[in-house]
Amino acid sequence: MSDIRVLIGDDHRIVREGLKQMLGDLSNGLPAMVVRAEAQTGPEVLEAVQALGGPEGLDVVLLDIALPGRDGLDVLQALRKRWPSLPVLMLSTYPEKQYAVRCIKLGASGYLNKSADADDMVGAVRKVAAGGLYVSAATAEALATAVGRGAGQGAEMLSHREHQVYRLLSAGHSVSEIGAQLGLAPNTVSTYRARILEKTGTKNDVELALYAERHGKQGSPG
């Protein structure tokens, strides 16, 4: 049986090394999982996938949400547009209820917390490599909750770009800092901020930070 060819996109070397060792140690006689490339920024992920020919050279992309240069959600969208058949398994330090639904809506083949059991990690990689959708019990619960709420409420109603700005605002970044990080003009960021305040029912950045804390979205996901 052919090897499962993997690309790891994470900005922490220790995480990449840990994942690489885990995948190598737990093949258990089944098709080996071989890490063909590593990347530590969003642009590097896209460059590496391009260099390997997309699905011709890869079977799975393990992608962190918090990547410098271009965050994982943006990279996910770019990958789905350019190589729709290439499975992408999203990774984060945040629990499934906070990002799993958003990732799957954007086309991810699964979502996994970095603290997941090694066997679950390997099982998820194998499942998405075979063309399946990896849904943990926590992700299934999050999806069911989202369906039950219909259009959603609060932060769940934010667009992808609004959610990026929301995450950075709630982490204490200024409008100018957010603009520089996302490549947006300050007045554009201010427009997104106004929409976010309206959708979350908050009046200022302090209330927004408190809202984010209550909903478990402090800082940037890793």
C-alpha atoms as a PDB file:
ATOM      1  CA  MET A   1       0.000   0.000   0.000  1.00  0.00           C
ATOM      2  CA  SER A   2       1.201   3.507  -0.797  1.00  0.00           C
ATOM      3  CA  ASP A   3       2.509   5.834   1.895  1.00  0.00           C
ATOM      4  CA  ILE A   4       0.295   8.627   3.188  1.00  0.00           C
ATOM      5  CA  ARG A   5       2.137  11.812   2.229  1.00  0.00           C
ATOM      6  CA  VAL A   6       1.707  14.668   4.704  1.00  0.00           C
ATOM      7  CA  LEU A   7       2.548  18.363   4.871  1.00  0.00           C
ATOM      8  CA  ILE A   8       2.667  19.964   8.329  1.00  0.00           C
ATOM      9  CA  GLY A   9       1.949  23.684   8.588  1.00  0.00           C
ATOM     10  CA  ASP A  10       2.682  25.038  12.083  1.00  0.00           C
ATOM     11  CA  ASP A  11       4.788  27.947  13.265  1.00  0.00           C
ATOM     12  CA  HIS A  12       6.264  26.055  16.230  1.00  0.00           C
ATOM     13  CA  ARG A  13       9.156  23.760  15.418  1.00  0.00           C
ATOM     14  CA  ILE A  14       8.592  21.624  18.498  1.00  0.00           C
ATOM     15  CA  VAL A  15       5.017  20.968  17.384  1.00  0.00           C
ATOM     16  CA  ARG A  16       6.117  20.014  13.886  1.00  0.00           C
ATOM     17  CA  GLU A  17       8.775  17.668  15.264  1.00  0.00           C
ATOM     18  CA  GLY A  18       6.288  16.119  17.678  1.00  0.00           C
ATOM     19  CA  LEU A  19       3.725  15.513  14.946  1.00  0.00           C
ATOM     20  CA  LYS A  20       6.348  14.078  12.635  1.00  0.00           C
ATOM     21  CA  GLN A  21       7.575  11.656  15.286  1.00  0.00           C
ATOM     22  CA  MET A  22       4.027  10.695  16.241  1.00  0.00           C
ATOM     23  CA  LEU A  23       3.016   9.920  12.673  1.00  0.00           C
ATOM     24  CA  GLY A  24       6.170   7.907  12.102  1.00  0.00           C
ATOM     25  CA  ASP A  25       5.944   5.907  15.336  1.00  0.00           C
ATOM     26  CA  LEU A  26       2.289   4.904  14.992  1.00  0.00           C
ATOM     27  CA  SER A  27       2.116   3.480  11.475  1.00  0.00           C
ATOM     28  CA  ASN A  28       1.681  -0.001  13.004  1.00  0.00           C
ATOM     29  CA  GLY A  29       2.266  -1.918   9.783  1.00  0.00           C
ATOM     30  CA  LEU A  30      -0.374   0.054   7.906  1.00  0.00           C
ATOM     31  CA  PRO A  31       0.600   2.475   5.111  1.00  0.00           C
ATOM     32  CA  ALA A  32       3.393   4.625   6.518  1.00  0.00           C
ATOM     33  CA  MET A  33       2.682   8.293   7.117  1.00  0.00           C
ATOM     34  CA  VAL A  34       5.535  10.265   5.600  1.00  0.00           C
ATOM     35  CA  VAL A  35       6.022  13.992   6.180  1.00  0.00           C
ATOM     36  CA  ARG A  36       7.054  15.332   2.784  1.00  0.00           C
ATOM     37  CA  ALA A  37       7.264  18.986   3.758  1.00  0.00           C
ATOM     38  CA  GLU A  38       6.987  21.413   6.668  1.00  0.00           C
ATOM     39  CA  ALA A  39       6.044  25.084   6.701  1.00  0.00           C
ATOM     40  CA  GLN A  40       5.886  27.696   9.453  1.00  0.00           C
ATOM     41  CA  THR A  41       3.915  30.503   7.779  1.00  0.00           C
ATOM     42  CA  GLY A  42       0.754  30.697   5.704  1.00  0.00           C
ATOM     43  CA  PRO A  43       2.543  31.681   2.485  1.00  0.00           C
ATOM     44  CA  GLU A  44       5.087  28.890   2.992  1.00  0.00           C
ATOM     45  CA  VAL A  45       2.274  26.335   3.211  1.00  0.00           C
ATOM     46  CA  LEU A  46       0.875  27.444  -0.141  1.00  0.00           C
ATOM     47  CA  GLU A  47       4.328  27.496  -1.723  1.00  0.00           C
ATOM     48  CA  ALA A  48       5.098  23.981  -0.453  1.00  0.00           C
ATOM     49  CA  VAL A  49       1.801  22.559  -1.697  1.00  0.00           C
ATOM     50  CA  GLN A  50       2.392  24.199  -5.078  1.00  0.00           C
ATOM     51  CA  ALA A  51       5.933  22.779  -5.257  1.00  0.00           C
ATOM     52  CA  LEU A  52       4.647  19.269  -4.528  1.00  0.00           C
ATOM     53  CA  GLY A  53       1.901  19.480  -7.135  1.00  0.00           C
ATOM     54  CA  GLY A  54      -1.054  19.584  -4.764  1.00  0.00           C
ATOM     55  CA  PRO A  55      -2.802  16.194  -4.525  1.00  0.00           C
ATOM     56  CA  GLU A  56      -0.286  14.684  -6.944  1.00  0.00           C
ATOM     57  CA  GLY A  57       2.390  14.882  -4.263  1.00  0.00           C
ATOM     58  CA  LEU A  58       0.354  15.068  -1.052  1.00  0.00           C
ATOM     59  CA  ASP A  59      -2.479  13.154   0.604  1.00  0.00           C
ATOM     60  CA  VAL A  60      -3.113  15.373   3.644  1.00  0.00           C
ATOM     61  CA  VAL A  61      -2.272  18.874   4.872  1.00  0.00           C
ATOM     62  CA  LEU A  62      -2.123  19.293   8.653  1.00  0.00           C
ATOM     63  CA  LEU A  63      -2.795  22.981   9.132  1.00  0.00           C
ATOM     64  CA  ASP A  64      -2.567  25.123  12.247  1.00  0.00           C
ATOM     65  CA  ILE A  65      -5.094  27.959  12.487  1.00  0.00           C
ATOM     66  CA  ALA A  66      -2.652  30.506  13.945  1.00  0.00           C
ATOM     67  CA  LEU A  67       0.001  30.996  11.274  1.00  0.00           C
ATOM     68  CA  PRO A  68       2.051  34.157  10.707  1.00  0.00           C
ATOM     69  CA  GLY A  69       1.846  35.910   7.370  1.00  0.00           C
ATOM     70  CA  ARG A  70      -1.549  34.472   6.520  1.00  0.00           C
ATOM     71  CA  ASP A  71      -3.709  32.649   9.029  1.00  0.00           C
ATOM     72  CA  GLY A  72      -4.811  29.065   8.648  1.00  0.00           C
ATOM     73  CA  LEU A  73      -8.403  29.898   7.766  1.00  0.00           C
ATOM     74  CA  ASP A  74      -7.238  32.057   4.862  1.00  0.00           C
ATOM     75  CA  VAL A  75      -4.831  29.338   3.764  1.00  0.00           C
ATOM     76  CA  LEU A  76      -7.616  26.757   3.996  1.00  0.00           C
ATOM     77  CA  GLN A  77      -9.788  28.815   1.659  1.00  0.00           C
ATOM     78  CA  ALA A  78      -6.911  29.220  -0.797  1.00  0.00           C
ATOM     79  CA  LEU A  79      -6.211  25.483  -0.742  1.00  0.00           C
ATOM     80  CA  ARG A  80      -9.863  24.590  -1.309  1.00  0.00           C
ATOM     81  CA  LYS A  81     -10.052  26.966  -4.250  1.00  0.00           C
ATOM     82  CA  ARG A  82      -6.835  25.800  -5.916  1.00  0.00           C
ATOM     83  CA  TRP A  83      -6.855  22.093  -4.978  1.00  0.00           C
ATOM     84  CA  PRO A  84     -10.399  21.146  -3.922  1.00  0.00           C
ATOM     85  CA  SER A  85      -9.592  17.431  -3.730  1.00  0.00           C
ATOM     86  CA  LEU A  86      -6.685  17.850  -1.280  1.00  0.00           C
ATOM     87  CA  PRO A  87      -7.805  16.981   2.289  1.00  0.00           C
ATOM     88  CA  VAL A  88      -6.980  19.548   4.970  1.00  0.00           C
ATOM     89  CA  LEU A  89      -7.084  18.631   8.661  1.00  0.00           C
ATOM     90  CA  MET A  90      -7.153  21.740  10.847  1.00  0.00           C
ATOM     91  CA  LEU A  91      -5.282  21.887  14.159  1.00  0.00           C
ATOM     92  CA  SER A  92      -5.696  24.280  17.085  1.00  0.00           C
ATOM     93  CA  THR A  93      -5.202  24.612  20.816  1.00  0.00           C
ATOM     94  CA  TYR A  94      -8.815  25.704  21.124  1.00  0.00           C
ATOM     95  CA  PRO A  95     -11.574  23.129  21.727  1.00  0.00           C
ATOM     96  CA  GLU A  96     -13.782  22.022  18.872  1.00  0.00           C
ATOM     97  CA  LYS A  97     -16.806  24.046  19.937  1.00  0.00           C
ATOM     98  CA  GLN A  98     -14.989  27.289  19.132  1.00  0.00           C
ATOM     99  CA  TYR A  99     -13.614  26.702  15.622  1.00  0.00           C
ATOM    100  CA  ALA A 100     -14.627  23.287  14.280  1.00  0.00           C
ATOM    101  CA  VAL A 101     -17.884  24.426  12.670  1.00  0.00           C
ATOM    102  CA  ARG A 102     -16.240  27.440  11.029  1.00  0.00           C
ATOM    103  CA  CYS A 103     -13.403  25.283   9.647  1.00  0.00           C
ATOM    104  CA  ILE A 104     -15.704  22.615   8.255  1.00  0.00           C
ATOM    105  CA  LYS A 105     -17.925  25.260   6.651  1.00  0.00           C
ATOM    106  CA  LEU A 106     -14.803  26.588   4.909  1.00  0.00           C
ATOM    107  CA  GLY A 107     -14.046  23.136   3.517  1.00  0.00           C
ATOM    108  CA  ALA A 108     -11.783  21.417   6.045  1.00  0.00           C
ATOM    109  CA  SER A 109     -11.920  17.624   6.137  1.00  0.00           C
ATOM    110  CA  GLY A 110     -11.735  17.683   9.904  1.00  0.00           C
ATOM    111  CA  TYR A 111     -10.737  19.614  13.015  1.00  0.00           C
ATOM    112  CA  LEU A 112      -8.554  18.346  15.816  1.00  0.00           C
ATOM    113  CA  ASN A 113      -7.330  19.853  19.049  1.00  0.00           C
ATOM    114  CA  LYS A 114      -3.556  19.639  19.460  1.00  0.00           C
ATOM    115  CA  SER A 115      -4.045  17.976  22.837  1.00  0.00           C
ATOM    116  CA  ALA A 116      -5.841  15.047  21.194  1.00  0.00           C
ATOM    117  CA  ASP A 117      -4.680  11.516  21.912  1.00  0.00           C
ATOM    118  CA  ALA A 118      -1.953  10.286  19.546  1.00  0.00           C
ATOM    119  CA  ASP A 119      -4.142   7.451  18.283  1.00  0.00           C
ATOM    120  CA  ASP A 120      -6.941   9.930  17.513  1.00  0.00           C
ATOM    121  CA  MET A 121      -4.485  12.127  15.614  1.00  0.00           C
ATOM    122  CA  VAL A 122      -3.261   9.219  13.509  1.00  0.00           C
ATOM    123  CA  GLY A 123      -6.795   7.958  12.965  1.00  0.00           C
ATOM    124  CA  ALA A 124      -7.883  11.408  11.801  1.00  0.00           C
ATOM    125  CA  VAL A 125      -5.013  11.628   9.315  1.00  0.00           C
ATOM    126  CA  ARG A 126      -5.824   8.190   7.904  1.00  0.00           C
ATOM    127  CA  LYS A 127      -9.521   8.956   7.595  1.00  0.00           C
ATOM    128  CA  VAL A 128      -9.158  12.256   5.739  1.00  0.00           C
ATOM    129  CA  ALA A 129      -6.404  10.802   3.537  1.00  0.00           C
ATOM    130  CA  ALA A 130      -8.903   8.150   2.461  1.00  0.00           C
ATOM    131  CA  GLY A 131     -11.374  10.861   1.491  1.00  0.00           C
ATOM    132  CA  GLY A 132     -13.444  10.808   4.658  1.00  0.00           C
ATOM    133  CA  LEU A 133     -14.532  13.549   7.046  1.00  0.00           C
ATOM    134  CA  TYR A 134     -13.089  13.323  10.531  1.00  0.00           C
ATOM    135  CA  VAL A 135     -15.661  14.349  13.120  1.00  0.00           C
ATOM    136  CA  SER A 136     -14.810  13.880  16.789  1.00  0.00           C
ATOM    137  CA  ALA A 137     -17.557  13.610  19.392  1.00  0.00           C
ATOM    138  CA  ALA A 138     -16.917  17.238  20.387  1.00  0.00           C
ATOM    139  CA  THR A 139     -17.078  18.396  16.764  1.00  0.00           C
ATOM    140  CA  ALA A 140     -20.308  16.471  16.204  1.00  0.00           C
ATOM    141  CA  GLU A 141     -21.804  18.220  19.223  1.00  0.00           C
ATOM    142  CA  ALA A 142     -20.660  21.612  17.934  1.00  0.00           C
ATOM    143  CA  LEU A 143     -22.174  20.912  14.512  1.00  0.00           C
ATOM    144  CA  ALA A 144     -25.457  19.805  16.064  1.00  0.00           C
ATOM    145  CA  THR A 145     -25.577  22.956  18.190  1.00  0.00           C
ATOM    146  CA  ALA A 146     -24.898  25.139  15.139  1.00  0.00           C
ATOM    147  CA  VAL A 147     -27.675  23.458  13.174  1.00  0.00           C
ATOM    148  CA  GLY A 148     -30.050  23.865  16.100  1.00  0.00           C
ATOM    149  CA  ARG A 149     -29.360  27.597  16.215  1.00  0.00           C
ATOM    150  CA  GLY A 150     -30.031  28.022  12.525  1.00  0.00           C
ATOM    151  CA  ALA A 151     -28.436  31.245  11.352  1.00  0.00           C
ATOM    152  CA  GLY A 152     -26.509  31.473  14.613  1.00  0.00           C
ATOM    153  CA  GLN A 153     -26.038  34.340  16.986  1.00  0.00           C
ATOM    154  CA  GLY A 154     -23.352  36.716  18.152  1.00  0.00           C
ATOM    155  CA  ALA A 155     -19.864  35.781  16.993  1.00  0.00           C
ATOM    156  CA  GLU A 156     -21.301  32.869  15.016  1.00  0.00           C
ATOM    157  CA  MET A 157     -22.838  35.393  12.608  1.00  0.00           C
ATOM    158  CA  LEU A 158     -19.499  36.963  11.734  1.00  0.00           C
ATOM    159  CA  SER A 159     -18.039  36.539   8.268  1.00  0.00           C
ATOM    160  CA  HIS A 160     -14.572  35.039   7.935  1.00  0.00           C
ATOM    161  CA  ARG A 161     -12.889  38.458   7.712  1.00  0.00           C
ATOM    162  CA  GLU A 162     -15.010  39.871  10.538  1.00  0.00           C
ATOM    163  CA  HIS A 163     -14.023  36.899  12.665  1.00  0.00           C
ATOM    164  CA  GLN A 164     -10.333  37.570  11.993  1.00  0.00           C
ATOM    165  CA  VAL A 165     -10.750  41.181  13.108  1.00  0.00           C
ATOM    166  CA  TYR A 166     -12.861  40.117  16.089  1.00  0.00           C
ATOM    167  CA  ARG A 167     -10.182  37.675  17.244  1.00  0.00           C
ATOM    168  CA  LEU A 168      -7.465  40.331  17.036  1.00  0.00           C
ATOM    169  CA  LEU A 169      -9.578  43.043  18.672  1.00  0.00           C
ATOM    170  CA  SER A 170     -10.423  40.746  21.567  1.00  0.00           C
ATOM    171  CA  ALA A 171      -6.695  40.016  21.972  1.00  0.00           C
ATOM    172  CA  GLY A 172      -6.063  43.747  22.502  1.00  0.00           C
ATOM    173  CA  HIS A 173      -4.665  44.747  19.096  1.00  0.00           C
ATOM    174  CA  SER A 174      -5.303  48.273  17.829  1.00  0.00           C
ATOM    175  CA  VAL A 175      -7.027  49.096  14.545  1.00  0.00           C
ATOM    176  CA  SER A 176      -3.706  50.067  12.980  1.00  0.00           C
ATOM    177  CA  GLU A 177      -2.022  46.867  14.174  1.00  0.00           C
ATOM    178  CA  ILE A 178      -4.849  44.757  12.779  1.00  0.00           C
ATOM    179  CA  GLY A 179      -4.697  46.608   9.480  1.00  0.00           C
ATOM    180  CA  ALA A 180      -0.976  45.938   9.186  1.00  0.00           C
ATOM    181  CA  GLN A 181      -1.370  42.260  10.047  1.00  0.00           C
ATOM    182  CA  LEU A 182      -4.276  41.609   7.686  1.00  0.00           C
ATOM    183  CA  GLY A 183      -3.206  43.986   4.919  1.00  0.00           C
ATOM    184  CA  LEU A 184      -6.251  46.216   5.351  1.00  0.00           C
ATOM    185  CA  ALA A 185      -6.624  49.997   5.490  1.00  0.00           C
ATOM    186  CA  PRO A 186      -7.406  51.311   9.002  1.00  0.00           C
ATOM    187  CA  ASN A 187     -10.777  52.669   7.889  1.00  0.00           C
ATOM    188  CA  THR A 188     -11.675  49.215   6.536  1.00  0.00           C
ATOM    189  CA  VAL A 189     -10.787  47.661   9.874  1.00  0.00           C
ATOM    190  CA  SER A 190     -12.935  50.299  11.587  1.00  0.00           C
ATOM    191  CA  THR A 191     -15.863  49.323   9.369  1.00  0.00           C
ATOM    192  CA  TYR A 192     -15.429  45.671  10.313  1.00  0.00           C
ATOM    193  CA  ARG A 193     -15.168  46.692  13.969  1.00  0.00           C
ATOM    194  CA  ALA A 194     -18.498  48.516  13.766  1.00  0.00           C
ATOM    195  CA  ARG A 195     -20.178  45.450  12.251  1.00  0.00           C
ATOM    196  CA  ILE A 196     -18.666  43.213  14.916  1.00  0.00           C
ATOM    197  CA  LEU A 197     -19.904  45.439  17.748  1.00  0.00           C
ATOM    198  CA  GLU A 198     -23.387  45.401  16.227  1.00  0.00           C
ATOM    199  CA  LYS A 199     -23.496  41.632  15.738  1.00  0.00           C
ATOM    200  CA  THR A 200     -22.164  40.861  19.210  1.00  0.00           C
ATOM    201  CA  GLY A 201     -24.317  43.468  20.916  1.00  0.00           C
ATOM    202  CA  THR A 202     -21.331  45.258  22.434  1.00  0.00           C
ATOM    203  CA  LYS A 203     -20.624  48.995  22.528  1.00  0.00           C
ATOM    204  CA  ASN A 204     -16.837  49.262  22.727  1.00  0.00           C
ATOM    205  CA  ASP A 205     -13.593  47.281  22.788  1.00  0.00           C
ATOM    206  CA  VAL A 206     -13.799  46.656  26.530  1.00  0.00           C
ATOM    207  CA  GLU A 207     -17.240  45.082  26.246  1.00  0.00           C
ATOM    208  CA  LEU A 208     -16.060  43.133  23.214  1.00  0.00           C
ATOM    209  CA  ALA A 209     -13.096  41.735  25.161  1.00  0.00           C
ATOM    210  CA  LEU A 210     -15.432  40.682  27.979  1.00  0.00           C
ATOM    211  CA  TYR A 211     -17.774  39.110  25.443  1.00  0.00           C
ATOM    212  CA  ALA A 212     -14.853  37.198  23.906  1.00  0.00           C
ATOM    213  CA  GLU A 213     -13.734  36.001  27.335  1.00  0.00           C
ATOM    214  CA  ARG A 214     -17.203  34.714  28.167  1.00  0.00           C
ATOM    215  CA  HIS A 215     -17.306  32.846  24.868  1.00  0.00           C
ATOM    216  CA  GLY A 216     -13.849  31.376  25.267  1.00  0.00           C
ATOM    217  CA  LYS A 217     -12.114  33.244  22.447  1.00  0.00           C
ATOM    218  CA  GLN A 218      -9.315  35.014  24.248  1.00  0.00           C
ATOM    219  CA  GLY A 219      -6.258  35.776  22.154  1.00  0.00           C
ATOM    220  CA  SER A 220      -5.253  33.996  18.984  1.00  0.00           C
ATOM    221  CA  PRO A 221      -5.732  30.262  18.472  1.00  0.00           C
ATOM    222  CA  GLY A 222      -2.655  28.138  18.246  1.00  0.00           C
END
